[in-house]
Amino acid sequence: MEEATQVSRIEDEIQQTSWRNQLSKTGINLIYTGIWLKSVHSDFFKKFGVTHPQHNLLRILRGQKQKPISVNQIKERMMDKSSNVSRITEKLQKKKLIECRPSETDKRSVDVVISQKGLELLSNIDLSVHEINDQLTHLEPSELMVLNLLLDKIRNPKPSR
């Protein structure tokens, strides 16, 4: 017989016993869980000497397959739209994880590509990414599908009447 796993409830985590309604509880639970997941990701990426936004930028560049992309195009594709992409590229360039050069088509713009060192770092991260994914392995595939549908639905609300 399987041993029941004790679920850590939001009420216990933030020591709040009552809610105005389920909508209020859900909103707080989403925010709390998002902050918790962000912390898990930060700790993971710190082991590789990068931040989550830096990793996001490197993955965008890897997806370009050595085709240069502008800082503005990168910003459009970042998970966190408030990321300071110029600052992130400076830091990654100092670490020799990316290469920046003036755009051939727009001299005011900078084109960015991932370096071999950046590709190697991403490969190493990919080998350990299961550590992050382990946070979700206790969910069944059907639960993951429902969770993804609900998260997409939350980000795409119906227009107000």
Protein backbone atom coordinates (compact mmCIF):
# COMPACT_ATOMS: atom_id res chain seq x y z
CA MET A 1 0.00 0.00 0.00
CA GLU A 2 1.33 3.43 -0.99
CA GLU A 3 2.17 5.84 1.79
CA ALA A 4 0.25 9.11 1.54
CA THR A 5 2.45 12.12 0.91
CA GLN A 6 1.83 15.11 3.13
CA VAL A 7 0.90 18.03 0.90
CA SER A 8 2.14 21.43 2.01
CA ARG A 9 -0.91 23.65 1.74
CA ILE A 10 -0.83 27.40 1.10
CA GLU A 11 -2.63 27.93 4.43
CA ASP A 12 0.29 26.31 6.25
CA GLU A 13 2.99 27.99 4.17
CA ILE A 14 1.82 31.55 4.83
CA GLN A 15 -0.05 30.83 8.08
CA GLN A 16 -3.37 32.14 6.88
CA THR A 17 -6.47 30.22 7.92
CA SER A 18 -9.27 32.00 6.12
CA TRP A 19 -9.85 33.48 2.68
CA ARG A 20 -12.42 35.88 1.30
CA ASN A 21 -13.15 33.36 -1.45
CA GLN A 22 -11.52 30.73 -3.69
CA LEU A 23 -10.51 33.38 -6.22
CA SER A 24 -8.48 35.23 -3.58
CA LYS A 25 -6.90 32.00 -2.35
CA THR A 26 -6.00 30.95 -5.90
CA GLY A 27 -4.40 34.30 -6.67
CA ILE A 28 -2.23 34.16 -3.55
CA ASN A 29 -1.38 30.51 -4.21
CA LEU A 30 -0.26 31.31 -7.79
CA ILE A 31 1.93 34.19 -6.63
CA TYR A 32 3.45 32.15 -3.79
CA THR A 33 4.11 29.16 -6.05
CA GLY A 34 5.64 31.40 -8.73
CA ILE A 35 8.03 32.94 -6.20
CA TRP A 36 8.90 29.48 -4.88
CA LEU A 37 9.62 28.14 -8.38
CA LYS A 38 11.70 31.23 -9.20
CA SER A 39 13.81 30.55 -6.11
CA VAL A 40 14.30 26.89 -7.12
CA HIS A 41 15.42 28.03 -10.59
CA SER A 42 17.75 30.71 -9.18
CA ASP A 43 19.49 28.19 -6.92
CA PHE A 44 19.85 25.76 -9.83
CA PHE A 45 21.33 28.27 -12.31
CA LYS A 46 23.66 29.74 -9.67
CA LYS A 47 25.57 26.43 -9.74
CA PHE A 48 26.44 27.19 -13.37
CA GLY A 49 27.36 30.84 -12.79
CA VAL A 50 24.36 32.30 -14.60
CA THR A 51 20.97 33.72 -13.71
CA HIS A 52 17.62 32.53 -15.04
CA PRO A 53 17.36 35.53 -17.46
CA GLN A 54 20.90 34.84 -18.70
CA HIS A 55 19.98 31.20 -19.31
CA ASN A 56 16.82 32.31 -21.13
CA LEU A 57 18.88 34.58 -23.40
CA LEU A 58 21.41 31.83 -24.11
CA ARG A 59 18.61 29.43 -25.07
CA ILE A 60 17.14 32.02 -27.43
CA LEU A 61 20.54 32.38 -29.10
CA ARG A 62 21.05 28.61 -29.33
CA GLY A 63 17.69 28.38 -31.10
CA GLN A 64 18.98 30.86 -33.68
CA LYS A 65 21.54 28.26 -34.85
CA GLN A 66 24.32 30.85 -35.18
CA LYS A 67 22.09 33.29 -37.06
CA PRO A 68 22.64 36.75 -35.49
CA ILE A 69 19.73 38.36 -33.67
CA SER A 70 19.34 41.92 -32.41
CA VAL A 71 18.99 42.90 -28.77
CA ASN A 72 15.46 44.15 -29.52
CA GLN A 73 14.46 40.80 -31.04
CA ILE A 74 15.87 39.01 -28.00
CA LYS A 75 13.85 41.26 -25.67
CA GLU A 76 10.63 40.31 -27.51
CA ARG A 77 11.34 36.62 -26.87
CA MET A 78 12.44 36.80 -23.22
CA MET A 79 10.20 35.11 -20.64
CA ASP A 80 10.48 38.18 -18.40
CA LYS A 81 9.66 41.12 -20.66
CA SER A 82 11.11 43.55 -18.09
CA SER A 83 14.60 42.02 -18.43
CA ASN A 84 17.39 44.49 -19.13
CA VAL A 85 18.67 42.66 -22.20
CA SER A 86 21.49 45.14 -22.87
CA ARG A 87 22.88 44.56 -19.38
CA ILE A 88 22.45 40.79 -19.63
CA THR A 89 24.31 40.71 -22.97
CA GLU A 90 27.17 42.76 -21.46
CA LYS A 91 27.55 40.27 -18.62
CA LEU A 92 27.39 37.26 -20.94
CA GLN A 93 29.90 38.86 -23.30
CA LYS A 94 32.34 39.39 -20.39
CA LYS A 95 31.97 35.68 -19.58
CA LYS A 96 32.66 34.94 -23.28
CA LEU A 97 29.34 33.07 -23.56
CA ILE A 98 28.12 35.27 -26.43
CA GLU A 99 29.59 37.48 -29.14
CA CYS A 100 28.23 40.92 -30.01
CA ARG A 101 28.98 42.85 -33.18
CA PRO A 102 27.52 45.88 -34.96
CA SER A 103 24.61 45.00 -37.22
CA GLU A 104 25.42 44.95 -40.92
CA THR A 105 21.99 46.37 -41.78
CA ASP A 106 21.52 48.91 -38.94
CA LYS A 107 24.67 50.52 -37.54
CA ARG A 108 22.75 51.64 -34.41
CA SER A 109 21.89 48.03 -33.59
CA VAL A 110 23.98 45.18 -32.18
CA ASP A 111 23.74 41.60 -33.40
CA VAL A 112 24.30 38.79 -30.93
CA VAL A 113 25.30 35.13 -31.39
CA ILE A 114 26.09 32.41 -28.89
CA SER A 115 29.75 31.36 -28.57
CA GLN A 116 31.09 27.81 -28.41
CA LYS A 117 31.63 28.33 -24.68
CA GLY A 118 27.97 29.35 -24.35
CA LEU A 119 26.83 26.25 -26.23
CA GLU A 120 28.97 24.06 -23.96
CA LEU A 121 27.48 25.69 -20.85
CA LEU A 122 23.94 25.04 -22.12
CA SER A 123 24.85 21.40 -22.80
CA ASN A 124 26.05 21.04 -19.21
CA ILE A 125 22.88 22.68 -17.89
CA ASP A 126 20.76 20.39 -20.09
CA LEU A 127 22.41 17.36 -18.46
CA SER A 128 21.25 18.55 -15.02
CA VAL A 129 17.91 20.16 -15.89
CA HIS A 130 16.11 17.15 -14.41
CA GLU A 131 16.84 18.72 -11.00
CA ILE A 132 14.37 21.49 -11.84
CA ASN A 133 11.90 19.18 -13.54
CA ASP A 134 11.92 16.96 -10.45
CA GLN A 135 9.70 19.61 -8.84
CA LEU A 136 6.89 18.38 -11.11
CA THR A 137 7.51 14.63 -11.43
CA HIS A 138 4.95 13.78 -8.77
CA LEU A 139 2.22 15.05 -11.11
CA GLU A 140 0.63 12.60 -13.53
CA PRO A 141 0.87 13.39 -17.28
CA SER A 142 -2.87 14.12 -17.32
CA GLU A 143 -2.44 16.55 -14.40
CA LEU A 144 0.40 18.29 -16.23
CA MET A 145 -1.82 18.70 -19.30
CA VAL A 146 -4.61 20.22 -17.20
CA LEU A 147 -2.14 22.48 -15.38
CA ASN A 148 -0.72 23.75 -18.70
CA LEU A 149 -4.21 24.41 -20.04
CA LEU A 150 -5.18 26.31 -16.89
CA LEU A 151 -1.98 28.37 -16.87
CA ASP A 152 -2.51 29.30 -20.53
CA LYS A 153 -6.11 30.21 -19.75
CA ILE A 154 -5.03 32.43 -16.82
CA ARG A 155 -2.68 34.40 -19.10
CA ASN A 156 -5.39 34.81 -21.75
CA PRO A 157 -8.48 36.10 -19.95
CA LYS A 158 -11.73 36.78 -21.76
CA PRO A 159 -12.33 40.46 -22.51
CA SER A 160 -14.46 42.30 -19.94
CA ARG A 161 -18.11 42.74 -20.82
